Amino acid sequence: MRPAGTRIVGVDVARGIAVLGMFVAHVLPDGGTENVADGRSSVLFATLAGVSLGLITGGADPAPRAERGRLLGSVALRGLALIALGLLLWTLDSGIAIILDYYGSFFLVLLPVLFAPRAVLVPIALACLTVGTAVLGAAPDDPRELIGSDWLLWLPTEWWVTGYYPGLLWLGYLLVGLVLARSDLSRRATQIAMAVGGATASIAGYGGAALLGRDASAHSNTLWEGLGAGGLAVALIGVLLLAARGWVATGLWPLAAVGSMPLTIYTAQIIVLALFRGAHPSGADAADEWVLLLGLVAGGLLAASLWRAVAGKGPLERVMARVSNLA
């Protein structure tokens, strides 16, 4: 989404961790307890989606007004393409709650505030964290209790209220990422503030939930999970921005390669999971799942590294770039 020479290594590494974390969340044999990747990897992915939106629209120095119409059209086309790809992947029997169509709907809703100042973006993000989580806590799990049999409203209701990544909260993660991108990610002061502020929010979320007996588990979509997982995402991005330079950046290059083509690697993962599920109609045992997980992680790192070294931008990222350039 940015010229190869201007990519931010720490952001790519964070995105690579998010993608591989979703591999773990999707495949790791269920031991009856939540693992560290559950929920948190997708929250990190969502926050980074907001960062990417901010970067392609100018970062800390938003594009001039004359260019904004074209950029808004580009983001709208990206959103529609993500919805189409996400709905296509839902037709595969992967056993995974696809996140891409949710992202696409979030992109479209963000268009009116994409170039708004941080003084506007921050209160909206806080509203998602507070009002949004309160509404989700009172909402039914079945969309039919809200919309009856009106199938035209099914997808919007799933995307925003009853689904796995409900926009009433998850839009807030993208807004946080957008605010971060508008705060100049290259500044050391910004990076330190992200690391410290994110860690503080995460401790408040998970610690507060533990002390008060509240639910902060993965995909509980509560205030406590929002603070805990969202704060952890911000802290991790900040730490990686601080650390991913020099020889550290070189050592993290395979992770950055995965993070430079997340759409391709994520989609390939869904296809592999669908094939694996089809080959084990009665369910796979834990050993097979571990082999699958190790194969996905090693294969993803190797394939992304080779592709980036030889061809640069990922294949689906190339398609997305062409689609968005139609604006």
C-alpha atoms as a PDB file:
ATOM      1  CA  MET A   1       0.000   0.000   0.000  1.00  0.00           C
ATOM      2  CA  ARG A   2       3.108   2.249   0.160  1.00  0.00           C
ATOM      3  CA  PRO A   3       6.132   2.416  -2.160  1.00  0.00           C
ATOM      4  CA  ALA A   4       8.643  -0.272  -1.289  1.00  0.00           C
ATOM      5  CA  GLY A   5      11.291   2.220  -0.255  1.00  0.00           C
ATOM      6  CA  THR A   6       9.047   3.958   2.258  1.00  0.00           C
ATOM      7  CA  ARG A   7       7.492   1.031   4.080  1.00  0.00           C
ATOM      8  CA  ILE A   8       7.601   1.227   7.863  1.00  0.00           C
ATOM      9  CA  VAL A   9       9.341  -1.944   9.014  1.00  0.00           C
ATOM     10  CA  GLY A  10       7.825  -1.960  12.503  1.00  0.00           C
ATOM     11  CA  VAL A  11       4.298  -1.761  11.070  1.00  0.00           C
ATOM     12  CA  ASP A  12       5.005  -4.606   8.630  1.00  0.00           C
ATOM     13  CA  VAL A  13       6.439  -6.757  11.436  1.00  0.00           C
ATOM     14  CA  ALA A  14       3.398  -6.058  13.625  1.00  0.00           C
ATOM     15  CA  ARG A  15       1.116  -7.003  10.761  1.00  0.00           C
ATOM     16  CA  GLY A  16       3.104 -10.190  10.198  1.00  0.00           C
ATOM     17  CA  ILE A  17       2.691 -11.092  13.882  1.00  0.00           C
ATOM     18  CA  ALA A  18      -1.051 -10.436  13.587  1.00  0.00           C
ATOM     19  CA  VAL A  19      -1.379 -12.744  10.581  1.00  0.00           C
ATOM     20  CA  LEU A  20       0.652 -15.561  12.129  1.00  0.00           C
ATOM     21  CA  GLY A  21      -1.212 -15.026  15.396  1.00  0.00           C
ATOM     22  CA  MET A  22      -4.447 -15.692  13.563  1.00  0.00           C
ATOM     23  CA  PHE A  23      -2.931 -18.932  12.289  1.00  0.00           C
ATOM     24  CA  VAL A  24      -2.402 -19.935  15.922  1.00  0.00           C
ATOM     25  CA  ALA A  25      -5.897 -18.847  16.958  1.00  0.00           C
ATOM     26  CA  HIS A  26      -7.487 -20.707  14.051  1.00  0.00           C
ATOM     27  CA  VAL A  27      -5.509 -23.952  14.202  1.00  0.00           C
ATOM     28  CA  LEU A  28      -4.007 -24.510  17.648  1.00  0.00           C
ATOM     29  CA  PRO A  29      -5.642 -27.571  19.201  1.00  0.00           C
ATOM     30  CA  ASP A  30      -8.288 -26.495  21.681  1.00  0.00           C
ATOM     31  CA  GLY A  31      -7.077 -27.255  25.172  1.00  0.00           C
ATOM     32  CA  GLY A  32     -10.128 -25.782  26.846  1.00  0.00           C
ATOM     33  CA  THR A  33      -8.351 -22.542  27.765  1.00  0.00           C
ATOM     34  CA  GLU A  34      -7.800 -19.324  25.859  1.00  0.00           C
ATOM     35  CA  ASN A  35      -4.362 -18.816  24.328  1.00  0.00           C
ATOM     36  CA  VAL A  36      -2.620 -15.478  23.904  1.00  0.00           C
ATOM     37  CA  ALA A  37      -3.422 -15.290  20.183  1.00  0.00           C
ATOM     38  CA  ASP A  38      -7.176 -15.743  20.605  1.00  0.00           C
ATOM     39  CA  GLY A  39      -8.901 -12.474  19.818  1.00  0.00           C
ATOM     40  CA  ARG A  40      -5.779 -10.375  20.327  1.00  0.00           C
ATOM     41  CA  SER A  41      -4.283 -11.159  16.921  1.00  0.00           C
ATOM     42  CA  SER A  42      -7.452 -10.024  15.129  1.00  0.00           C
ATOM     43  CA  VAL A  43      -7.628  -6.866  17.290  1.00  0.00           C
ATOM     44  CA  LEU A  44      -4.014  -6.132  16.312  1.00  0.00           C
ATOM     45  CA  PHE A  45      -4.925  -6.749  12.666  1.00  0.00           C
ATOM     46  CA  ALA A  46      -7.865  -4.340  12.935  1.00  0.00           C
ATOM     47  CA  THR A  47      -5.756  -1.635  14.582  1.00  0.00           C
ATOM     48  CA  LEU A  48      -3.169  -1.990  11.834  1.00  0.00           C
ATOM     49  CA  ALA A  49      -5.893  -1.684   9.212  1.00  0.00           C
ATOM     50  CA  GLY A  50      -6.588   1.764  10.644  1.00  0.00           C
ATOM     51  CA  VAL A  51      -2.862   2.545  10.586  1.00  0.00           C
ATOM     52  CA  SER A  52      -2.731   1.550   6.905  1.00  0.00           C
ATOM     53  CA  LEU A  53      -5.683   3.792   6.071  1.00  0.00           C
ATOM     54  CA  GLY A  54      -3.902   6.656   7.768  1.00  0.00           C
ATOM     55  CA  LEU A  55      -0.627   6.011   5.948  1.00  0.00           C
ATOM     56  CA  ILE A  56      -2.090   5.779   2.452  1.00  0.00           C
ATOM     57  CA  THR A  57      -3.936   9.054   3.008  1.00  0.00           C
ATOM     58  CA  GLY A  58      -0.879  10.996   4.087  1.00  0.00           C
ATOM     59  CA  GLY A  59       0.061   9.862   7.583  1.00  0.00           C
ATOM     60  CA  ALA A  60       0.834  12.760   9.911  1.00  0.00           C
ATOM     61  CA  ASP A  61       0.528  15.177   6.964  1.00  0.00           C
ATOM     62  CA  PRO A  62      -2.869  14.325   5.395  1.00  0.00           C
ATOM     63  CA  ALA A  63      -3.184  14.717   1.648  1.00  0.00           C
ATOM     64  CA  PRO A  64      -4.211  18.181   0.386  1.00  0.00           C
ATOM     65  CA  ARG A  65      -7.887  18.777  -0.315  1.00  0.00           C
ATOM     66  CA  ALA A  66      -7.402  18.558  -4.073  1.00  0.00           C
ATOM     67  CA  GLU A  67      -6.306  14.903  -3.752  1.00  0.00           C
ATOM     68  CA  ARG A  68      -8.795  13.770  -1.141  1.00  0.00           C
ATOM     69  CA  GLY A  69     -11.630  12.940  -3.503  1.00  0.00           C
ATOM     70  CA  ARG A  70      -9.465  10.462  -5.389  1.00  0.00           C
ATOM     71  CA  LEU A  71      -8.184   8.925  -2.154  1.00  0.00           C
ATOM     72  CA  LEU A  72     -11.710   8.579  -0.751  1.00  0.00           C
ATOM     73  CA  GLY A  73     -12.743   6.824  -3.950  1.00  0.00           C
ATOM     74  CA  SER A  74      -9.714   4.546  -3.663  1.00  0.00           C
ATOM     75  CA  VAL A  75     -10.572   3.586  -0.080  1.00  0.00           C
ATOM     76  CA  ALA A  76     -14.214   3.010  -1.062  1.00  0.00           C
ATOM     77  CA  LEU A  77     -13.135   0.638  -3.829  1.00  0.00           C
ATOM     78  CA  ARG A  78     -10.844  -1.179  -1.397  1.00  0.00           C
ATOM     79  CA  GLY A  79     -13.762  -1.561   0.983  1.00  0.00           C
ATOM     80  CA  LEU A  80     -16.039  -2.981  -1.701  1.00  0.00           C
ATOM     81  CA  ALA A  81     -13.299  -5.358  -2.879  1.00  0.00           C
ATOM     82  CA  LEU A  82     -12.734  -6.590   0.684  1.00  0.00           C
ATOM     83  CA  ILE A  83     -16.468  -7.204   1.107  1.00  0.00           C
ATOM     84  CA  ALA A  84     -16.551  -9.205  -2.130  1.00  0.00           C
ATOM     85  CA  LEU A  85     -13.466 -11.266  -1.227  1.00  0.00           C
ATOM     86  CA  GLY A  86     -14.687 -11.818   2.319  1.00  0.00           C
ATOM     87  CA  LEU A  87     -18.095 -13.060   1.181  1.00  0.00           C
ATOM     88  CA  LEU A  88     -16.384 -15.351  -1.334  1.00  0.00           C
ATOM     89  CA  LEU A  89     -14.196 -16.840   1.402  1.00  0.00           C
ATOM     90  CA  TRP A  90     -17.275 -17.401   3.576  1.00  0.00           C
ATOM     91  CA  THR A  91     -18.476 -19.901   0.927  1.00  0.00           C
ATOM     92  CA  LEU A  92     -15.486 -22.132   1.717  1.00  0.00           C
ATOM     93  CA  ASP A  93     -15.899 -24.622   4.532  1.00  0.00           C
ATOM     94  CA  SER A  94     -12.899 -23.379   6.500  1.00  0.00           C
ATOM     95  CA  GLY A  95     -14.562 -23.257   9.916  1.00  0.00           C
ATOM     96  CA  ILE A  96     -13.213 -19.707  10.349  1.00  0.00           C
ATOM     97  CA  ALA A  97     -15.106 -16.470  10.972  1.00  0.00           C
ATOM     98  CA  ILE A  98     -13.854 -14.410   8.025  1.00  0.00           C
ATOM     99  CA  ILE A  99     -12.903 -10.848   8.925  1.00  0.00           C
ATOM    100  CA  LEU A 100     -12.395  -9.253   5.498  1.00  0.00           C
ATOM    101  CA  ASP A 101     -16.011  -8.344   4.698  1.00  0.00           C
ATOM    102  CA  TYR A 102     -16.303  -6.710   8.133  1.00  0.00           C
ATOM    103  CA  TYR A 103     -13.220  -4.625   7.300  1.00  0.00           C
ATOM    104  CA  GLY A 104     -14.737  -3.607   4.002  1.00  0.00           C
ATOM    105  CA  SER A 105     -17.871  -2.299   5.700  1.00  0.00           C
ATOM    106  CA  PHE A 106     -15.726  -0.436   8.251  1.00  0.00           C
ATOM    107  CA  PHE A 107     -13.740   1.225   5.446  1.00  0.00           C
ATOM    108  CA  LEU A 108     -16.948   2.505   3.872  1.00  0.00           C
ATOM    109  CA  VAL A 109     -18.296   3.907   7.145  1.00  0.00           C
ATOM    110  CA  LEU A 110     -14.975   5.636   7.892  1.00  0.00           C
ATOM    111  CA  LEU A 111     -15.026   7.632   4.652  1.00  0.00           C
ATOM    112  CA  PRO A 112     -16.748  10.733   6.127  1.00  0.00           C
ATOM    113  CA  VAL A 113     -14.144  11.061   8.904  1.00  0.00           C
ATOM    114  CA  LEU A 114     -11.065   9.741   7.129  1.00  0.00           C
ATOM    115  CA  PHE A 115      -9.473  13.200   7.022  1.00  0.00           C
ATOM    116  CA  ALA A 116     -11.004  14.486  10.270  1.00  0.00           C
ATOM    117  CA  PRO A 117      -8.604  15.843  12.921  1.00  0.00           C
ATOM    118  CA  ARG A 118      -7.616  13.706  15.893  1.00  0.00           C
ATOM    119  CA  ALA A 119      -9.876  15.859  18.089  1.00  0.00           C
ATOM    120  CA  VAL A 120     -12.808  14.329  16.173  1.00  0.00           C
ATOM    121  CA  LEU A 121     -11.458  10.791  15.766  1.00  0.00           C
ATOM    122  CA  VAL A 122     -10.578  10.206  19.430  1.00  0.00           C
ATOM    123  CA  PRO A 123     -14.108  10.901  20.820  1.00  0.00           C
ATOM    124  CA  ILE A 124     -15.632   8.579  18.200  1.00  0.00           C
ATOM    125  CA  ALA A 125     -13.192   5.831  19.197  1.00  0.00           C
ATOM    126  CA  LEU A 126     -14.063   6.366  22.863  1.00  0.00           C
ATOM    127  CA  ALA A 127     -17.761   6.166  21.997  1.00  0.00           C
ATOM    128  CA  CYS A 128     -17.148   2.780  20.365  1.00  0.00           C
ATOM    129  CA  LEU A 129     -15.336   1.612  23.496  1.00  0.00           C
ATOM    130  CA  THR A 130     -18.040   2.792  25.913  1.00  0.00           C
ATOM    131  CA  VAL A 131     -21.420   3.252  24.234  1.00  0.00           C
ATOM    132  CA  GLY A 132     -20.668   0.620  21.599  1.00  0.00           C
ATOM    133  CA  THR A 133     -19.765  -2.073  24.115  1.00  0.00           C
ATOM    134  CA  ALA A 134     -22.822  -1.192  26.242  1.00  0.00           C
ATOM    135  CA  VAL A 135     -25.121  -1.642  23.242  1.00  0.00           C
ATOM    136  CA  LEU A 136     -23.415  -4.908  22.298  1.00  0.00           C
ATOM    137  CA  GLY A 137     -23.848  -6.165  25.852  1.00  0.00           C
ATOM    138  CA  ALA A 138     -27.600  -5.686  25.578  1.00  0.00           C
ATOM    139  CA  ALA A 139     -27.966  -6.889  21.975  1.00  0.00           C
ATOM    140  CA  PRO A 140     -29.219 -10.394  21.120  1.00  0.00           C
ATOM    141  CA  ASP A 141     -26.912 -12.945  19.535  1.00  0.00           C
ATOM    142  CA  ASP A 142     -29.375 -13.790  16.760  1.00  0.00           C
ATOM    143  CA  PRO A 143     -29.868 -11.021  14.166  1.00  0.00           C
ATOM    144  CA  ARG A 144     -33.421 -12.268  13.553  1.00  0.00           C
ATOM    145  CA  GLU A 145     -34.396 -10.899  16.948  1.00  0.00           C
ATOM    146  CA  LEU A 146     -33.541  -7.448  15.613  1.00  0.00           C
ATOM    147  CA  ILE A 147     -34.545  -7.595  11.956  1.00  0.00           C
ATOM    148  CA  GLY A 148     -36.964 -10.502  11.702  1.00  0.00           C
ATOM    149  CA  SER A 149     -36.816 -12.162   8.286  1.00  0.00           C
ATOM    150  CA  ASP A 150     -35.577  -9.100   6.379  1.00  0.00           C
ATOM    151  CA  TRP A 151     -32.607 -10.620   4.572  1.00  0.00           C
ATOM    152  CA  LEU A 152     -31.498  -7.263   3.169  1.00  0.00           C
ATOM    153  CA  LEU A 153     -30.554  -6.186   6.695  1.00  0.00           C
ATOM    154  CA  TRP A 154     -28.871  -9.460   7.614  1.00  0.00           C
ATOM    155  CA  LEU A 155     -25.323  -8.593   6.610  1.00  0.00           C
ATOM    156  CA  PRO A 156     -25.312  -5.032   8.024  1.00  0.00           C
ATOM    157  CA  THR A 157     -26.694  -6.369  11.302  1.00  0.00           C
ATOM    158  CA  GLU A 158     -24.034  -9.068  11.452  1.00  0.00           C
ATOM    159  CA  TRP A 159     -21.253  -6.635  10.554  1.00  0.00           C
ATOM    160  CA  TRP A 160     -22.226  -4.080  13.152  1.00  0.00           C
ATOM    161  CA  VAL A 161     -24.064  -5.800  16.017  1.00  0.00           C
ATOM    162  CA  THR A 162     -24.403  -9.567  16.162  1.00  0.00           C
ATOM    163  CA  GLY A 163     -21.383 -10.849  14.253  1.00  0.00           C
ATOM    164  CA  TYR A 164     -17.974 -12.070  15.365  1.00  0.00           C
ATOM    165  CA  TYR A 165     -16.304  -8.674  14.881  1.00  0.00           C
ATOM    166  CA  PRO A 166     -19.139  -6.200  15.549  1.00  0.00           C
ATOM    167  CA  GLY A 167     -18.436  -2.752  14.193  1.00  0.00           C
ATOM    168  CA  LEU A 168     -19.940  -0.942  17.176  1.00  0.00           C
ATOM    169  CA  LEU A 169     -16.683  -1.826  18.961  1.00  0.00           C
ATOM    170  CA  TRP A 170     -14.294  -2.913  16.217  1.00  0.00           C
ATOM    171  CA  LEU A 171     -14.576   0.340  14.296  1.00  0.00           C
ATOM    172  CA  GLY A 172     -12.917   1.846  17.372  1.00  0.00           C
ATOM    173  CA  TYR A 173      -9.786  -0.255  16.777  1.00  0.00           C
ATOM    174  CA  LEU A 174      -9.486   1.105  13.244  1.00  0.00           C
ATOM    175  CA  LEU A 175     -10.030   4.635  14.541  1.00  0.00           C
ATOM    176  CA  VAL A 176      -7.235   4.163  17.065  1.00  0.00           C
ATOM    177  CA  GLY A 177      -4.956   2.996  14.259  1.00  0.00           C
ATOM    178  CA  LEU A 178      -5.947   6.018  12.176  1.00  0.00           C
ATOM    179  CA  VAL A 179      -5.135   8.337  15.094  1.00  0.00           C
ATOM    180  CA  LEU A 180      -1.733   6.663  15.473  1.00  0.00           C
ATOM    181  CA  ALA A 181      -0.929   7.190  11.790  1.00  0.00           C
ATOM    182  CA  ARG A 182      -1.909  10.863  12.118  1.00  0.00           C
ATOM    183  CA  SER A 183       0.491  11.210  15.074  1.00  0.00           C
ATOM    184  CA  ASP A 184       3.701  10.666  13.063  1.00  0.00           C
ATOM    185  CA  LEU A 185       4.820   7.092  13.620  1.00  0.00           C
ATOM    186  CA  SER A 186       8.408   8.057  12.794  1.00  0.00           C
ATOM    187  CA  ARG A 187       8.728  10.225  15.918  1.00  0.00           C
ATOM    188  CA  ARG A 188      10.393   8.507  18.857  1.00  0.00           C
ATOM    189  CA  ALA A 189       8.103  10.399  21.254  1.00  0.00           C
ATOM    190  CA  THR A 190       5.061   8.925  19.489  1.00  0.00           C
ATOM    191  CA  GLN A 191       6.524   5.439  19.645  1.00  0.00           C
ATOM    192  CA  ILE A 192       7.284   5.704  23.363  1.00  0.00           C
ATOM    193  CA  ALA A 193       3.826   7.127  24.064  1.00  0.00           C
ATOM    194  CA  MET A 194       2.289   4.193  22.202  1.00  0.00           C
ATOM    195  CA  ALA A 195       4.324   1.627  24.131  1.00  0.00           C
ATOM    196  CA  VAL A 196       3.653   3.177  27.544  1.00  0.00           C
ATOM    197  CA  GLY A 197       0.074   4.308  26.926  1.00  0.00           C
ATOM    198  CA  GLY A 198      -0.929   1.043  25.290  1.00  0.00           C
ATOM    199  CA  ALA A 199       0.561  -1.022  28.114  1.00  0.00           C
ATOM    200  CA  THR A 200      -1.238   1.138  30.679  1.00  0.00           C
ATOM    201  CA  ALA A 201      -4.584   0.706  28.904  1.00  0.00           C
ATOM    202  CA  SER A 202      -4.037  -3.042  28.600  1.00  0.00           C
ATOM    203  CA  ILE A 203      -3.233  -3.391  32.302  1.00  0.00           C
ATOM    204  CA  ALA A 204      -6.304  -1.331  33.148  1.00  0.00           C
ATOM    205  CA  GLY A 205      -8.476  -3.538  30.946  1.00  0.00           C
ATOM    206  CA  TYR A 206      -7.278  -6.974  31.944  1.00  0.00           C
ATOM    207  CA  GLY A 207      -6.388  -5.983  35.501  1.00  0.00           C
ATOM    208  CA  GLY A 208      -9.671  -4.167  36.041  1.00  0.00           C
ATOM    209  CA  ALA A 209     -11.591  -7.149  34.715  1.00  0.00           C
ATOM    210  CA  ALA A 210      -9.743  -9.496  37.069  1.00  0.00           C
ATOM    211  CA  LEU A 211     -10.285  -7.260  40.094  1.00  0.00           C
ATOM    212  CA  LEU A 212     -13.944  -6.537  39.404  1.00  0.00           C
ATOM    213  CA  GLY A 213     -14.923  -9.937  38.075  1.00  0.00           C
ATOM    214  CA  ARG A 214     -15.703  -8.660  34.574  1.00  0.00           C
ATOM    215  CA  ASP A 215     -15.351 -10.489  31.274  1.00  0.00           C
ATOM    216  CA  ALA A 216     -12.318  -9.566  29.174  1.00  0.00           C
ATOM    217  CA  SER A 217     -12.057 -12.839  27.260  1.00  0.00           C
ATOM    218  CA  ALA A 218     -11.439 -13.010  23.538  1.00  0.00           C
ATOM    219  CA  HIS A 219     -14.391 -11.785  21.466  1.00  0.00           C
ATOM    220  CA  SER A 220     -16.439 -10.924  24.539  1.00  0.00           C
ATOM    221  CA  ASN A 221     -16.621  -7.408  23.011  1.00  0.00           C
ATOM    222  CA  THR A 222     -16.719  -5.727  26.394  1.00  0.00           C
ATOM    223  CA  LEU A 223     -15.184  -2.473  27.588  1.00  0.00           C
ATOM    224  CA  TRP A 224     -12.564  -4.532  29.414  1.00  0.00           C
ATOM    225  CA  GLU A 225     -11.565  -6.549  26.379  1.00  0.00           C
ATOM    226  CA  GLY A 226     -11.486  -3.357  24.306  1.00  0.00           C
ATOM    227  CA  LEU A 227      -9.052  -1.737  26.724  1.00  0.00           C
ATOM    228  CA  GLY A 228      -7.029  -4.910  27.252  1.00  0.00           C
ATOM    229  CA  ALA A 229      -6.656  -6.146  23.691  1.00  0.00           C
ATOM    230  CA  GLY A 230      -6.691  -2.707  22.098  1.00  0.00           C
ATOM    231  CA  GLY A 231      -4.074  -1.386  24.500  1.00  0.00           C
ATOM    232  CA  LEU A 232      -1.910  -4.446  23.917  1.00  0.00           C
ATOM    233  CA  ALA A 233      -2.096  -3.874  20.146  1.00  0.00           C
ATOM    234  CA  VAL A 234      -1.003  -0.239  20.488  1.00  0.00           C
ATOM    235  CA  ALA A 235       1.809  -1.162  22.874  1.00  0.00           C
ATOM    236  CA  LEU A 236       3.114  -3.905  20.575  1.00  0.00           C
ATOM    237  CA  ILE A 237       3.140  -1.614  17.549  1.00  0.00           C
ATOM    238  CA  GLY A 238       4.973   1.036  19.577  1.00  0.00           C
ATOM    239  CA  VAL A 239       7.599  -1.414  20.807  1.00  0.00           C
ATOM    240  CA  LEU A 240       8.182  -2.768  17.300  1.00  0.00           C
ATOM    241  CA  LEU A 241       8.530   0.740  15.880  1.00  0.00           C
ATOM    242  CA  LEU A 242      11.176   1.415  18.512  1.00  0.00           C
ATOM    243  CA  ALA A 243      12.999  -1.889  18.019  1.00  0.00           C
ATOM    244  CA  ALA A 244      12.719  -2.698  14.297  1.00  0.00           C
ATOM    245  CA  ARG A 245      15.791  -0.898  12.999  1.00  0.00           C
ATOM    246  CA  GLY A 246      19.310  -1.905  12.019  1.00  0.00           C
ATOM    247  CA  TRP A 247      20.213  -5.543  12.580  1.00  0.00           C
ATOM    248  CA  VAL A 248      16.923  -6.173  14.417  1.00  0.00           C
ATOM    249  CA  ALA A 249      14.969  -5.151  11.337  1.00  0.00           C
ATOM    250  CA  THR A 250      17.132  -7.457   9.232  1.00  0.00           C
ATOM    251  CA  GLY A 251      16.438 -10.374  11.562  1.00  0.00           C
ATOM    252  CA  LEU A 252      12.704  -9.677  11.452  1.00  0.00           C
ATOM    253  CA  TRP A 253      12.633  -9.475   7.651  1.00  0.00           C
ATOM    254  CA  PRO A 254      10.610 -12.709   7.141  1.00  0.00           C
ATOM    255  CA  LEU A 255       7.913 -11.427   9.515  1.00  0.00           C
ATOM    256  CA  ALA A 256       7.924  -8.088   7.712  1.00  0.00           C
ATOM    257  CA  ALA A 257       7.544  -9.965   4.410  1.00  0.00           C
ATOM    258  CA  VAL A 258       4.378 -11.633   5.709  1.00  0.00           C
ATOM    259  CA  GLY A 259       3.160  -8.255   6.955  1.00  0.00           C
ATOM    260  CA  SER A 260       3.757  -6.673   3.564  1.00  0.00           C
ATOM    261  CA  MET A 261       1.243  -9.031   1.921  1.00  0.00           C
ATOM    262  CA  PRO A 262      -1.352  -9.793   4.615  1.00  0.00           C
ATOM    263  CA  LEU A 263      -4.291 -10.134   2.229  1.00  0.00           C
ATOM    264  CA  THR A 264      -2.515 -12.800   0.189  1.00  0.00           C
ATOM    265  CA  ILE A 265      -1.288 -14.789   3.193  1.00  0.00           C
ATOM    266  CA  TYR A 266      -4.623 -14.531   5.037  1.00  0.00           C
ATOM    267  CA  THR A 267      -6.555 -15.709   1.967  1.00  0.00           C
ATOM    268  CA  ALA A 268      -4.132 -18.565   1.313  1.00  0.00           C
ATOM    269  CA  GLN A 269      -4.599 -19.647   4.935  1.00  0.00           C
ATOM    270  CA  ILE A 270      -8.387 -19.836   4.522  1.00  0.00           C
ATOM    271  CA  ILE A 271      -8.025 -21.968   1.387  1.00  0.00           C
ATOM    272  CA  VAL A 272      -5.590 -24.337   3.145  1.00  0.00           C
ATOM    273  CA  LEU A 273      -7.909 -24.638   6.161  1.00  0.00           C
ATOM    274  CA  ALA A 274     -10.847 -25.442   3.896  1.00  0.00           C
ATOM    275  CA  LEU A 275      -8.829 -28.172   2.160  1.00  0.00           C
ATOM    276  CA  PHE A 276      -7.648 -29.542   5.506  1.00  0.00           C
ATOM    277  CA  ARG A 277     -11.184 -29.575   6.857  1.00  0.00           C
ATOM    278  CA  GLY A 278     -12.377 -31.371   3.732  1.00  0.00           C
ATOM    279  CA  ALA A 279      -9.658 -34.001   4.165  1.00  0.00           C
ATOM    280  CA  HIS A 280     -10.750 -34.626   7.787  1.00  0.00           C
ATOM    281  CA  PRO A 281     -14.556 -34.801   7.655  1.00  0.00           C
ATOM    282  CA  SER A 282     -14.696 -36.470  11.072  1.00  0.00           C
ATOM    283  CA  GLY A 283     -12.302 -33.989  12.642  1.00  0.00           C
ATOM    284  CA  ALA A 284      -8.514 -33.990  12.870  1.00  0.00           C
ATOM    285  CA  ASP A 285      -6.537 -35.100  15.896  1.00  0.00           C
ATOM    286  CA  ALA A 286      -4.235 -32.766  17.810  1.00  0.00           C
ATOM    287  CA  ALA A 287      -1.082 -34.089  16.120  1.00  0.00           C
ATOM    288  CA  ASP A 288      -2.438 -33.299  12.656  1.00  0.00           C
ATOM    289  CA  GLU A 289      -3.465 -29.820  13.812  1.00  0.00           C
ATOM    290  CA  TRP A 290       0.027 -29.141  15.141  1.00  0.00           C
ATOM    291  CA  VAL A 291       1.535 -30.263  11.846  1.00  0.00           C
ATOM    292  CA  LEU A 292      -0.884 -27.984  10.002  1.00  0.00           C
ATOM    293  CA  LEU A 293      -0.032 -25.032  12.237  1.00  0.00           C
ATOM    294  CA  LEU A 294       3.720 -25.485  11.853  1.00  0.00           C
ATOM    295  CA  GLY A 295       3.286 -25.900   8.107  1.00  0.00           C
ATOM    296  CA  LEU A 296       1.225 -22.728   7.835  1.00  0.00           C
ATOM    297  CA  VAL A 297       3.684 -20.665   9.861  1.00  0.00           C
ATOM    298  CA  ALA A 298       6.819 -21.995   8.144  1.00  0.00           C
ATOM    299  CA  GLY A 299       5.184 -21.962   4.719  1.00  0.00           C
ATOM    300  CA  GLY A 300       3.851 -18.450   5.194  1.00  0.00           C
ATOM    301  CA  LEU A 301       7.238 -17.085   6.262  1.00  0.00           C
ATOM    302  CA  LEU A 302       9.091 -18.852   3.454  1.00  0.00           C
ATOM    303  CA  ALA A 303       6.594 -18.081   0.684  1.00  0.00           C
ATOM    304  CA  ALA A 304       6.260 -14.422   1.666  1.00  0.00           C
ATOM    305  CA  SER A 305      10.034 -13.981   1.926  1.00  0.00           C
ATOM    306  CA  LEU A 306      10.704 -15.551  -1.468  1.00  0.00           C
ATOM    307  CA  TRP A 307       7.880 -13.684  -3.177  1.00  0.00           C
ATOM    308  CA  ARG A 308       8.902 -10.333  -1.718  1.00  0.00           C
ATOM    309  CA  ALA A 309      12.549 -10.907  -2.656  1.00  0.00           C
ATOM    310  CA  VAL A 310      11.686 -11.840  -6.240  1.00  0.00           C
ATOM    311  CA  ALA A 311       8.453 -10.008  -7.076  1.00  0.00           C
ATOM    312  CA  GLY A 312       7.923  -7.381  -4.369  1.00  0.00           C
ATOM    313  CA  LYS A 313       4.249  -6.659  -3.714  1.00  0.00           C
ATOM    314  CA  GLY A 314       2.017  -9.668  -2.965  1.00  0.00           C
ATOM    315  CA  PRO A 315      -0.338 -10.958  -5.692  1.00  0.00           C
ATOM    316  CA  LEU A 316      -3.613  -9.958  -4.035  1.00  0.00           C
ATOM    317  CA  GLU A 317      -2.042  -6.677  -2.946  1.00  0.00           C
ATOM    318  CA  ARG A 318      -1.313  -6.009  -6.621  1.00  0.00           C
ATOM    319  CA  VAL A 319      -4.937  -6.687  -7.491  1.00  0.00           C
ATOM    320  CA  MET A 320      -6.132  -4.426  -4.675  1.00  0.00           C
ATOM    321  CA  ALA A 321      -3.806  -1.660  -5.858  1.00  0.00           C
ATOM    322  CA  ARG A 322      -5.217  -1.898  -9.385  1.00  0.00           C
ATOM    323  CA  VAL A 323      -8.780  -1.890  -8.125  1.00  0.00           C
ATOM    324  CA  SER A 324      -8.197   1.127  -5.920  1.00  0.00           C
ATOM    325  CA  ASN A 325      -6.431   3.004  -8.736  1.00  0.00           C
ATOM    326  CA  LEU A 326      -9.696   2.974 -10.697  1.00  0.00           C
ATOM    327  CA  ALA A 327     -10.885   5.867  -8.512  1.00  0.00           C
END
